[in-house]
């Protein structure tokens, strides 16, 4: 009983995360300001990271967890670089 409940909860979480990624992608493409687009990109990478974690739980494979870690690190660096670019107009000084 608990294994089927866990599998159902993971599948439901994956559907909701895919929906969150679709909404973030829409805001990324449609956002009226650059700040909205940076926030959408931040939301998109966090949702992608969580989706990879749920795939790892579903498949019981540790490779997904490492991929989620890489997505998280690259997303953080991208968000920091975009924020610096929006504040100063240049990334590398």
PDB file of N, CA and C in Angstrom:
ATOM      1  N   UNK A   1       0.818  -1.200   0.000  1.00  0.00           N
ATOM      2  CA  UNK A   1       0.000   0.000   0.000  1.00  0.00           C
ATOM      3  C   UNK A   1       0.858   1.258   0.000  1.00  0.00           C
ATOM      4  N   UNK A   2       1.892   1.289   0.832  1.00  0.00           N
ATOM      5  CA  UNK A   2       2.692   2.510   0.927  1.00  0.00           C
ATOM      6  C   UNK A   2       3.553   2.713  -0.320  1.00  0.00           C
ATOM      7  N   UNK A   3       3.970   1.631  -0.979  1.00  0.00           N
ATOM      8  CA  UNK A   3       4.767   1.771  -2.201  1.00  0.00           C
ATOM      9  C   UNK A   3       3.928   2.363  -3.324  1.00  0.00           C
ATOM     10  N   UNK A   4       2.680   1.951  -3.426  1.00  0.00           N
ATOM     11  CA  UNK A   4       1.818   2.510  -4.472  1.00  0.00           C
ATOM     12  C   UNK A   4       1.457   3.960  -4.160  1.00  0.00           C
ATOM     13  N   UNK A   5       1.299   4.269  -2.890  1.00  0.00           N
ATOM     14  CA  UNK A   5       1.022   5.651  -2.497  1.00  0.00           C
ATOM     15  C   UNK A   5       2.216   6.548  -2.810  1.00  0.00           C
ATOM     16  N   UNK A   6       3.413   6.055  -2.544  1.00  0.00           N
ATOM     17  CA  UNK A   6       4.623   6.818  -2.847  1.00  0.00           C
ATOM     18  C   UNK A   6       4.786   7.006  -4.358  1.00  0.00           C
ATOM     19  N   UNK A   7       4.530   5.972  -5.129  1.00  0.00           N
ATOM     20  CA  UNK A   7       4.643   6.081  -6.588  1.00  0.00           C
ATOM     21  C   UNK A   7       3.623   7.077  -7.142  1.00  0.00           C
ATOM     22  N   UNK A   8       2.421   7.062  -6.589  1.00  0.00           N
ATOM     23  CA  UNK A   8       1.400   8.023  -7.014  1.00  0.00           C
ATOM     24  C   UNK A   8       1.765   9.449  -6.643  1.00  0.00           C
ATOM     25  N   UNK A   9       2.317   9.628  -5.454  1.00  0.00           N
ATOM     26  CA  UNK A   9       2.718  10.966  -5.015  1.00  0.00           C
ATOM     27  C   UNK A   9       3.871  11.501  -5.865  1.00  0.00           C
ATOM     28  N   UNK A  10       4.810  10.638  -6.229  1.00  0.00           N
ATOM     29  CA  UNK A  10       5.924  11.069  -7.080  1.00  0.00           C
ATOM     30  C   UNK A  10       5.428  11.432  -8.467  1.00  0.00           C
ATOM     31  N   UNK A  11       4.516  10.629  -9.009  1.00  0.00           N
ATOM     32  CA  UNK A  11       3.955  10.935 -10.336  1.00  0.00           C
ATOM     33  C   UNK A  11       3.187  12.254 -10.304  1.00  0.00           C
ATOM     34  N   UNK A  12       2.430  12.484  -9.241  1.00  0.00           N
ATOM     35  CA  UNK A  12       1.685  13.738  -9.098  1.00  0.00           C
ATOM     36  C   UNK A  12       2.637  14.926  -8.982  1.00  0.00           C
ATOM     37  N   UNK A  13       3.721  14.751  -8.236  1.00  0.00           N
ATOM     38  CA  UNK A  13       4.723  15.817  -8.099  1.00  0.00           C
ATOM     39  C   UNK A  13       5.393  16.105  -9.436  1.00  0.00           C
ATOM     40  N   UNK A  14       5.654  15.067 -10.233  1.00  0.00           N
ATOM     41  CA  UNK A  14       6.269  15.277 -11.537  1.00  0.00           C
ATOM     42  C   UNK A  14       5.344  16.046 -12.475  1.00  0.00           C
ATOM     43  N   UNK A  15       4.060  15.756 -12.416  1.00  0.00           N
ATOM     44  CA  UNK A  15       3.102  16.489 -13.249  1.00  0.00           C
ATOM     45  C   UNK A  15       3.056  17.956 -12.834  1.00  0.00           C
ATOM     46  N   UNK A  16       3.015  18.212 -11.539  1.00  0.00           N
ATOM     47  CA  UNK A  16       2.977  19.595 -11.063  1.00  0.00           C
ATOM     48  C   UNK A  16       4.281  20.344 -11.373  1.00  0.00           C
ATOM     49  N   UNK A  17       5.402  19.663 -11.282  1.00  0.00           N
ATOM     50  CA  UNK A  17       6.673  20.306 -11.619  1.00  0.00           C
ATOM     51  C   UNK A  17       6.758  20.606 -13.112  1.00  0.00           C
ATOM     52  N   UNK A  18       6.235  19.715 -13.941  1.00  0.00           N
ATOM     53  CA  UNK A  18       6.213  19.988 -15.379  1.00  0.00           C
ATOM     54  C   UNK A  18       5.312  21.177 -15.685  1.00  0.00           C
ATOM     55  N   UNK A  19       4.211  21.289 -14.976  1.00  0.00           N
ATOM     56  CA  UNK A  19       3.323  22.444 -15.141  1.00  0.00           C
ATOM     57  C   UNK A  19       4.016  23.736 -14.687  1.00  0.00           C
ATOM     58  N   UNK A  20       4.747  23.665 -13.593  1.00  0.00           N
ATOM     59  CA  UNK A  20       5.500  24.837 -13.121  1.00  0.00           C
ATOM     60  C   UNK A  20       6.575  25.242 -14.124  1.00  0.00           C
ATOM     61  N   UNK A  21       7.214  24.254 -14.742  1.00  0.00           N
ATOM     62  CA  UNK A  21       8.227  24.565 -15.755  1.00  0.00           C
ATOM     63  C   UNK A  21       7.596  25.207 -16.980  1.00  0.00           C
ATOM     64  N   UNK A  22       6.401  24.755 -17.361  1.00  0.00           N
ATOM     65  CA  UNK A  22       5.711  25.355 -18.506  1.00  0.00           C
ATOM     66  C   UNK A  22       5.336  26.805 -18.211  1.00  0.00           C
ATOM     67  N   UNK A  23       4.850  27.068 -17.006  1.00  0.00           N
ATOM     68  CA  UNK A  23       4.500  28.445 -16.631  1.00  0.00           C
ATOM     69  C   UNK A  23       5.738  29.334 -16.586  1.00  0.00           C
ATOM     70  N   UNK A  24       6.848  28.802 -16.067  1.00  0.00           N
ATOM     71  CA  UNK A  24       8.084  29.584 -16.010  1.00  0.00           C
ATOM     72  C   UNK A  24       8.630  29.836 -17.417  1.00  0.00           C
ATOM     73  N   UNK A  25       8.513  28.863 -18.298  1.00  0.00           N
ATOM     74  CA  UNK A  25       8.974  29.067 -19.675  1.00  0.00           C
ATOM     75  C   UNK A  25       8.125  30.115 -20.377  1.00  0.00           C
ATOM     76  N   UNK A  26       6.828  30.117 -20.102  1.00  0.00           N
ATOM     77  CA  UNK A  26       5.956  31.145 -20.674  1.00  0.00           C
ATOM     78  C   UNK A  26       6.371  32.531 -20.195  1.00  0.00           C
ATOM     79  N   UNK A  27       6.660  32.658 -18.901  1.00  0.00           N
ATOM     80  CA  UNK A  27       7.071  33.950 -18.365  1.00  0.00           C
ATOM     81  C   UNK A  27       8.454  34.341 -18.892  1.00  0.00           C
ATOM     82  N   UNK A  28       9.311  33.358 -19.123  1.00  0.00           N
ATOM     83  CA  UNK A  28      10.636  33.630 -19.669  1.00  0.00           C
ATOM     84  C   UNK A  28      10.528  34.199 -21.081  1.00  0.00           C
ATOM     85  N   UNK A  29       9.623  33.673 -21.865  1.00  0.00           N
ATOM     86  CA  UNK A  29       9.465  34.149 -23.235  1.00  0.00           C
ATOM     87  C   UNK A  29       8.638  35.420 -23.319  1.00  0.00           C
ATOM     88  N   UNK A  30       7.694  35.587 -22.416  1.00  0.00           N
ATOM     89  CA  UNK A  30       6.715  36.661 -22.519  1.00  0.00           C
ATOM     90  C   UNK A  30       6.972  37.819 -21.564  1.00  0.00           C
ATOM     91  N   UNK A  31       7.847  37.624 -20.575  1.00  0.00           N
ATOM     92  CA  UNK A  31       8.039  38.618 -19.515  1.00  0.00           C
ATOM     93  C   UNK A  31       8.239  40.031 -20.010  1.00  0.00           C
ATOM     94  N   UNK A  32       7.533  40.995 -19.443  1.00  0.00           N
ATOM     95  CA  UNK A  32       7.658  42.364 -19.936  1.00  0.00           C
ATOM     96  C   UNK A  32       8.995  43.022 -19.577  1.00  0.00           C
ATOM     97  N   UNK A  33       9.611  42.627 -18.479  1.00  0.00           N
ATOM     98  CA  UNK A  33      10.873  43.238 -18.065  1.00  0.00           C
ATOM     99  C   UNK A  33      11.951  42.168 -17.953  1.00  0.00           C
ATOM    100  N   UNK A  34      13.185  42.619 -17.941  1.00  0.00           N
ATOM    101  CA  UNK A  34      14.309  41.685 -17.826  1.00  0.00           C
ATOM    102  C   UNK A  34      14.323  41.007 -16.455  1.00  0.00           C
ATOM    103  N   UNK A  35      13.895  41.719 -15.423  1.00  0.00           N
ATOM    104  CA  UNK A  35      13.864  41.137 -14.080  1.00  0.00           C
ATOM    105  C   UNK A  35      12.874  39.974 -14.012  1.00  0.00           C
ATOM    106  N   UNK A  36      11.752  40.095 -14.720  1.00  0.00           N
ATOM    107  CA  UNK A  36      10.790  38.998 -14.762  1.00  0.00           C
ATOM    108  C   UNK A  36      11.387  37.776 -15.442  1.00  0.00           C
ATOM    109  N   UNK A  37      12.172  38.001 -16.459  1.00  0.00           N
ATOM    110  CA  UNK A  37      12.790  36.898 -17.186  1.00  0.00           C
ATOM    111  C   UNK A  37      13.868  36.211 -16.354  1.00  0.00           C
ATOM    112  N   UNK A  38      14.626  36.979 -15.592  1.00  0.00           N
ATOM    113  CA  UNK A  38      15.638  36.375 -14.717  1.00  0.00           C
ATOM    114  C   UNK A  38      14.960  35.545 -13.627  1.00  0.00           C
ATOM    115  N   UNK A  39      13.898  36.049 -13.062  1.00  0.00           N
ATOM    116  CA  UNK A  39      13.159  35.294 -12.050  1.00  0.00           C
ATOM    117  C   UNK A  39      12.548  34.034 -12.643  1.00  0.00           C
ATOM    118  N   UNK A  40      12.056  34.113 -13.871  1.00  0.00           N
ATOM    119  CA  UNK A  40      11.507  32.938 -14.535  1.00  0.00           C
ATOM    120  C   UNK A  40      12.597  31.906 -14.801  1.00  0.00           C
ATOM    121  N   UNK A  41      13.781  32.353 -15.175  1.00  0.00           N
ATOM    122  CA  UNK A  41      14.892  31.431 -15.391  1.00  0.00           C
ATOM    123  C   UNK A  41      15.288  30.753 -14.086  1.00  0.00           C
ATOM    124  N   UNK A  42      15.292  31.504 -13.003  1.00  0.00           N
ATOM    125  CA  UNK A  42      15.595  30.943 -11.692  1.00  0.00           C
ATOM    126  C   UNK A  42      14.561  29.892 -11.305  1.00  0.00           C
ATOM    127  N   UNK A  43      13.298  30.190 -11.521  1.00  0.00           N
ATOM    128  CA  UNK A  43      12.231  29.239 -11.227  1.00  0.00           C
ATOM    129  C   UNK A  43      12.342  28.009 -12.112  1.00  0.00           C
ATOM    130  N   UNK A  44      12.714  28.211 -13.363  1.00  0.00           N
ATOM    131  CA  UNK A  44      12.827  27.105 -14.308  1.00  0.00           C
ATOM    132  C   UNK A  44      13.934  26.139 -13.896  1.00  0.00           C
ATOM    133  N   UNK A  45      15.074  26.648 -13.488  1.00  0.00           N
ATOM    134  CA  UNK A  45      16.139  25.714 -13.119  1.00  0.00           C
ATOM    135  C   UNK A  45      15.853  25.011 -11.799  1.00  0.00           C
ATOM    136  N   UNK A  46      15.183  25.676 -10.877  1.00  0.00           N
ATOM    137  CA  UNK A  46      14.826  25.008  -9.620  1.00  0.00           C
ATOM    138  C   UNK A  46      13.807  23.901  -9.882  1.00  0.00           C
ATOM    139  N   UNK A  47      12.826  24.165 -10.741  1.00  0.00           N
ATOM    140  CA  UNK A  47      11.837  23.139 -11.071  1.00  0.00           C
ATOM    141  C   UNK A  47      12.489  21.981 -11.822  1.00  0.00           C
ATOM    142  N   UNK A  48      13.437  22.273 -12.705  1.00  0.00           N
ATOM    143  CA  UNK A  48      14.148  21.214 -13.425  1.00  0.00           C
ATOM    144  C   UNK A  48      14.973  20.362 -12.463  1.00  0.00           C
ATOM    145  N   UNK A  49      15.590  21.014 -11.501  1.00  0.00           N
ATOM    146  CA  UNK A  49      16.374  20.287 -10.509  1.00  0.00           C
ATOM    147  C   UNK A  49      15.480  19.364  -9.679  1.00  0.00           C
ATOM    148  N   UNK A  50      14.340  19.871  -9.258  1.00  0.00           N
ATOM    149  CA  UNK A  50      13.420  19.052  -8.475  1.00  0.00           C
ATOM    150  C   UNK A  50      12.821  17.922  -9.309  1.00  0.00           C
ATOM    151  N   UNK A  51      12.590  18.169 -10.585  1.00  0.00           N
ATOM    152  CA  UNK A  51      12.090  17.124 -11.464  1.00  0.00           C
ATOM    153  C   UNK A  51      13.124  16.011 -11.609  1.00  0.00           C
ATOM    154  N   UNK A  52      14.387  16.382 -11.713  1.00  0.00           N
ATOM    155  CA  UNK A  52      15.441  15.360 -11.777  1.00  0.00           C
ATOM    156  C   UNK A  52      15.504  14.556 -10.475  1.00  0.00           C
ATOM    157  N   UNK A  53      15.289  15.219  -9.353  1.00  0.00           N
ATOM    158  CA  UNK A  53      15.285  14.498  -8.077  1.00  0.00           C
ATOM    159  C   UNK A  53      14.121  13.514  -7.993  1.00  0.00           C
ATOM    160  N   UNK A  54      12.960  13.915  -8.484  1.00  0.00           N
ATOM    161  CA  UNK A  54      11.827  12.987  -8.465  1.00  0.00           C
ATOM    162  C   UNK A  54      12.049  11.820  -9.425  1.00  0.00           C
ATOM    163  N   UNK A  55      12.703  12.076 -10.565  1.00  0.00           N
ATOM    164  CA  UNK A  55      13.054  10.962 -11.455  1.00  0.00           C
ATOM    165  C   UNK A  55      14.021  10.011 -10.762  1.00  0.00           C
ATOM    166  N   UNK A  56      14.959  10.560 -10.011  1.00  0.00           N
ATOM    167  CA  UNK A  56      15.896   9.723  -9.271  1.00  0.00           C
ATOM    168  C   UNK A  56      15.209   8.880  -8.217  1.00  0.00           C
ATOM    169  N   UNK A  57      14.223   9.440  -7.539  1.00  0.00           N
ATOM    170  CA  UNK A  57      13.466   8.659  -6.556  1.00  0.00           C
ATOM    171  C   UNK A  57      12.635   7.574  -7.233  1.00  0.00           C
ATOM    172  N   UNK A  58      12.062   7.912  -8.372  1.00  0.00           N
ATOM    173  CA  UNK A  58      11.198   6.964  -9.073  1.00  0.00           C
ATOM    174  C   UNK A  58      11.991   5.789  -9.641  1.00  0.00           C
ATOM    175  N   UNK A  59      13.152   6.071 -10.201  1.00  0.00           N
ATOM    176  CA  UNK A  59      13.962   5.036 -10.836  1.00  0.00           C
ATOM    177  C   UNK A  59      14.976   4.402  -9.883  1.00  0.00           C
ATOM    178  N   UNK A  60      15.157   4.971  -8.704  1.00  0.00           N
ATOM    179  CA  UNK A  60      16.136   4.506  -7.713  1.00  0.00           C
ATOM    180  C   UNK A  60      17.543   4.462  -8.320  1.00  0.00           C
ATOM    181  N   UNK A  61      17.903   5.583  -8.963  1.00  0.00           N
ATOM    182  CA  UNK A  61      19.197   5.691  -9.622  1.00  0.00           C
ATOM    183  C   UNK A  61      19.879   6.962  -9.115  1.00  0.00           C
ATOM    184  N   UNK A  62      21.111   6.826  -8.653  1.00  0.00           N
ATOM    185  CA  UNK A  62      21.831   7.961  -8.073  1.00  0.00           C
ATOM    186  C   UNK A  62      22.338   8.933  -9.129  1.00  0.00           C
ATOM    187  N   UNK A  63      22.364   8.535 -10.380  1.00  0.00           N
ATOM    188  CA  UNK A  63      22.849   9.414 -11.437  1.00  0.00           C
ATOM    189  C   UNK A  63      21.967  10.653 -11.577  1.00  0.00           C
ATOM    190  N   UNK A  64      20.684  10.518 -11.350  1.00  0.00           N
ATOM    191  CA  UNK A  64      19.769  11.655 -11.414  1.00  0.00           C
ATOM    192  C   UNK A  64      20.077  12.687 -10.332  1.00  0.00           C
ATOM    193  N   UNK A  65      20.506  12.225  -9.173  1.00  0.00           N
ATOM    194  CA  UNK A  65      20.830  13.146  -8.093  1.00  0.00           C
ATOM    195  C   UNK A  65      22.072  13.979  -8.431  1.00  0.00           C
ATOM    196  N   UNK A  66      23.034  13.358  -9.091  1.00  0.00           N
ATOM    197  CA  UNK A  66      24.217  14.091  -9.513  1.00  0.00           C
ATOM    198  C   UNK A  66      23.869  15.100 -10.606  1.00  0.00           C
ATOM    199  N   UNK A  67      22.975  14.721 -11.509  1.00  0.00           N
ATOM    200  CA  UNK A  67      22.535  15.653 -12.551  1.00  0.00           C
ATOM    201  C   UNK A  67      21.795  16.836 -11.932  1.00  0.00           C
ATOM    202  N   UNK A  68      21.002  16.580 -10.907  1.00  0.00           N
ATOM    203  CA  UNK A  68      20.293  17.665 -10.214  1.00  0.00           C
ATOM    204  C   UNK A  68      21.279  18.608  -9.532  1.00  0.00           C
ATOM    205  N   UNK A  69      22.353  18.072  -8.999  1.00  0.00           N
ATOM    206  CA  UNK A  69      23.374  18.906  -8.376  1.00  0.00           C
ATOM    207  C   UNK A  69      24.051  19.807  -9.406  1.00  0.00           C
ATOM    208  N   UNK A  70      24.341  19.264 -10.580  1.00  0.00           N
ATOM    209  CA  UNK A  70      24.949  20.053 -11.647  1.00  0.00           C
ATOM    210  C   UNK A  70      23.993  21.144 -12.116  1.00  0.00           C
ATOM    211  N   UNK A  71      22.716  20.815 -12.269  1.00  0.00           N
ATOM    212  CA  UNK A  71      21.722  21.810 -12.669  1.00  0.00           C
ATOM    213  C   UNK A  71      21.637  22.924 -11.639  1.00  0.00           C
ATOM    214  N   UNK A  72      21.657  22.578 -10.373  1.00  0.00           N
ATOM    215  CA  UNK A  72      21.597  23.575  -9.312  1.00  0.00           C
ATOM    216  C   UNK A  72      22.798  24.511  -9.311  1.00  0.00           C
ATOM    217  N   UNK A  73      23.987  23.948  -9.489  1.00  0.00           N
ATOM    218  CA  UNK A  73      25.190  24.789  -9.497  1.00  0.00           C
ATOM    219  C   UNK A  73      25.226  25.702 -10.715  1.00  0.00           C
ATOM    220  N   UNK A  74      24.931  25.172 -11.885  1.00  0.00           N
ATOM    221  CA  UNK A  74      24.933  26.000 -13.088  1.00  0.00           C
ATOM    222  C   UNK A  74      23.830  27.051 -13.055  1.00  0.00           C
ATOM    223  N   UNK A  75      22.686  26.704 -12.514  1.00  0.00           N
ATOM    224  CA  UNK A  75      21.603  27.676 -12.403  1.00  0.00           C
ATOM    225  C   UNK A  75      21.944  28.812 -11.471  1.00  0.00           C
ATOM    226  N   UNK A  76      22.609  28.511 -10.366  1.00  0.00           N
ATOM    227  CA  UNK A  76      23.010  29.562  -9.439  1.00  0.00           C
ATOM    228  C   UNK A  76      24.007  30.516 -10.089  1.00  0.00           C
ATOM    229  N   UNK A  77      24.979  29.970 -10.789  1.00  0.00           N
ATOM    230  CA  UNK A  77      25.979  30.811 -11.455  1.00  0.00           C
ATOM    231  C   UNK A  77      25.316  31.672 -12.536  1.00  0.00           C
ATOM    232  N   UNK A  78      24.383  31.090 -13.281  1.00  0.00           N
ATOM    233  CA  UNK A  78      23.694  31.852 -14.327  1.00  0.00           C
ATOM    234  C   UNK A  78      22.863  32.978 -13.727  1.00  0.00           C
ATOM    235  N   UNK A  79      22.181  32.714 -12.631  1.00  0.00           N
ATOM    236  CA  UNK A  79      21.374  33.744 -11.988  1.00  0.00           C
ATOM    237  C   UNK A  79      22.256  34.860 -11.446  1.00  0.00           C
ATOM    238  N   UNK A  80      23.370  34.508 -10.836  1.00  0.00           N
ATOM    239  CA  UNK A  80      24.287  35.532 -10.321  1.00  0.00           C
ATOM    240  C   UNK A  80      24.870  36.368 -11.451  1.00  0.00           C
ATOM    241  N   UNK A  81      25.232  35.737 -12.567  1.00  0.00           N
ATOM    242  CA  UNK A  81      25.788  36.483 -13.702  1.00  0.00           C
ATOM    243  C   UNK A  81      24.741  37.403 -14.323  1.00  0.00           C
ATOM    244  N   UNK A  82      23.521  36.933 -14.462  1.00  0.00           N
ATOM    245  CA  UNK A  82      22.469  37.778 -15.026  1.00  0.00           C
ATOM    246  C   UNK A  82      22.127  38.946 -14.107  1.00  0.00           C
ATOM    247  N   UNK A  83      22.121  38.704 -12.802  1.00  0.00           N
ATOM    248  CA  UNK A  83      21.844  39.793 -11.862  1.00  0.00           C
ATOM    249  C   UNK A  83      22.952  40.851 -11.915  1.00  0.00           C
ATOM    250  N   UNK A  84      24.196  40.411 -12.012  1.00  0.00           N
ATOM    251  CA  UNK A  84      25.301  41.367 -12.115  1.00  0.00           C
ATOM    252  C   UNK A  84      25.224  42.138 -13.428  1.00  0.00           C
ATOM    253  N   UNK A  85      24.846  41.459 -14.499  1.00  0.00           N
ATOM    254  CA  UNK A  85      24.714  42.137 -15.785  1.00  0.00           C
ATOM    255  C   UNK A  85      23.599  43.172 -15.742  1.00  0.00           C
ATOM    256  N   UNK A  86      22.489  42.861 -15.091  1.00  0.00           N
ATOM    257  CA  UNK A  86      21.395  43.823 -15.016  1.00  0.00           C
ATOM    258  C   UNK A  86      21.736  45.022 -14.135  1.00  0.00           C
ATOM    259  N   UNK A  87      22.561  44.806 -13.113  1.00  0.00           N
ATOM    260  CA  UNK A  87      22.934  45.915 -12.227  1.00  0.00           C
ATOM    261  C   UNK A  87      24.008  46.809 -12.828  1.00  0.00           C
ATOM    262  N   UNK A  88      25.028  46.216 -13.455  1.00  0.00           N
ATOM    263  CA  UNK A  88      26.188  46.992 -13.902  1.00  0.00           C
ATOM    264  C   UNK A  88      26.339  47.086 -15.410  1.00  0.00           C
ATOM    265  N   UNK A  89      25.679  46.227 -16.146  1.00  0.00           N
ATOM    266  CA  UNK A  89      25.803  46.257 -17.598  1.00  0.00           C
ATOM    267  C   UNK A  89      26.944  45.438 -18.135  1.00  0.00           C
ATOM    268  N   UNK A  90      27.712  44.792 -17.266  1.00  0.00           N
ATOM    269  CA  UNK A  90      28.807  43.927 -17.692  1.00  0.00           C
ATOM    270  C   UNK A  90      28.961  42.797 -16.678  1.00  0.00           C
ATOM    271  N   UNK A  91      29.430  41.651 -17.156  1.00  0.00           N
ATOM    272  CA  UNK A  91      29.591  40.504 -16.272  1.00  0.00           C
ATOM    273  C   UNK A  91      31.031  40.397 -15.796  1.00  0.00           C
ATOM    274  N   UNK A  92      31.959  40.543 -16.706  1.00  0.00           N
ATOM    275  CA  UNK A  92      33.382  40.436 -16.366  1.00  0.00           C
ATOM    276  C   UNK A  92      33.982  41.834 -16.359  1.00  0.00           C
ATOM    277  N   UNK A  93      34.618  42.175 -15.263  1.00  0.00           N
ATOM    278  CA  UNK A  93      35.199  43.513 -15.132  1.00  0.00           C
ATOM    279  C   UNK A  93      36.640  43.537 -15.548  1.00  0.00           C
TER     280      UNK A  93
END
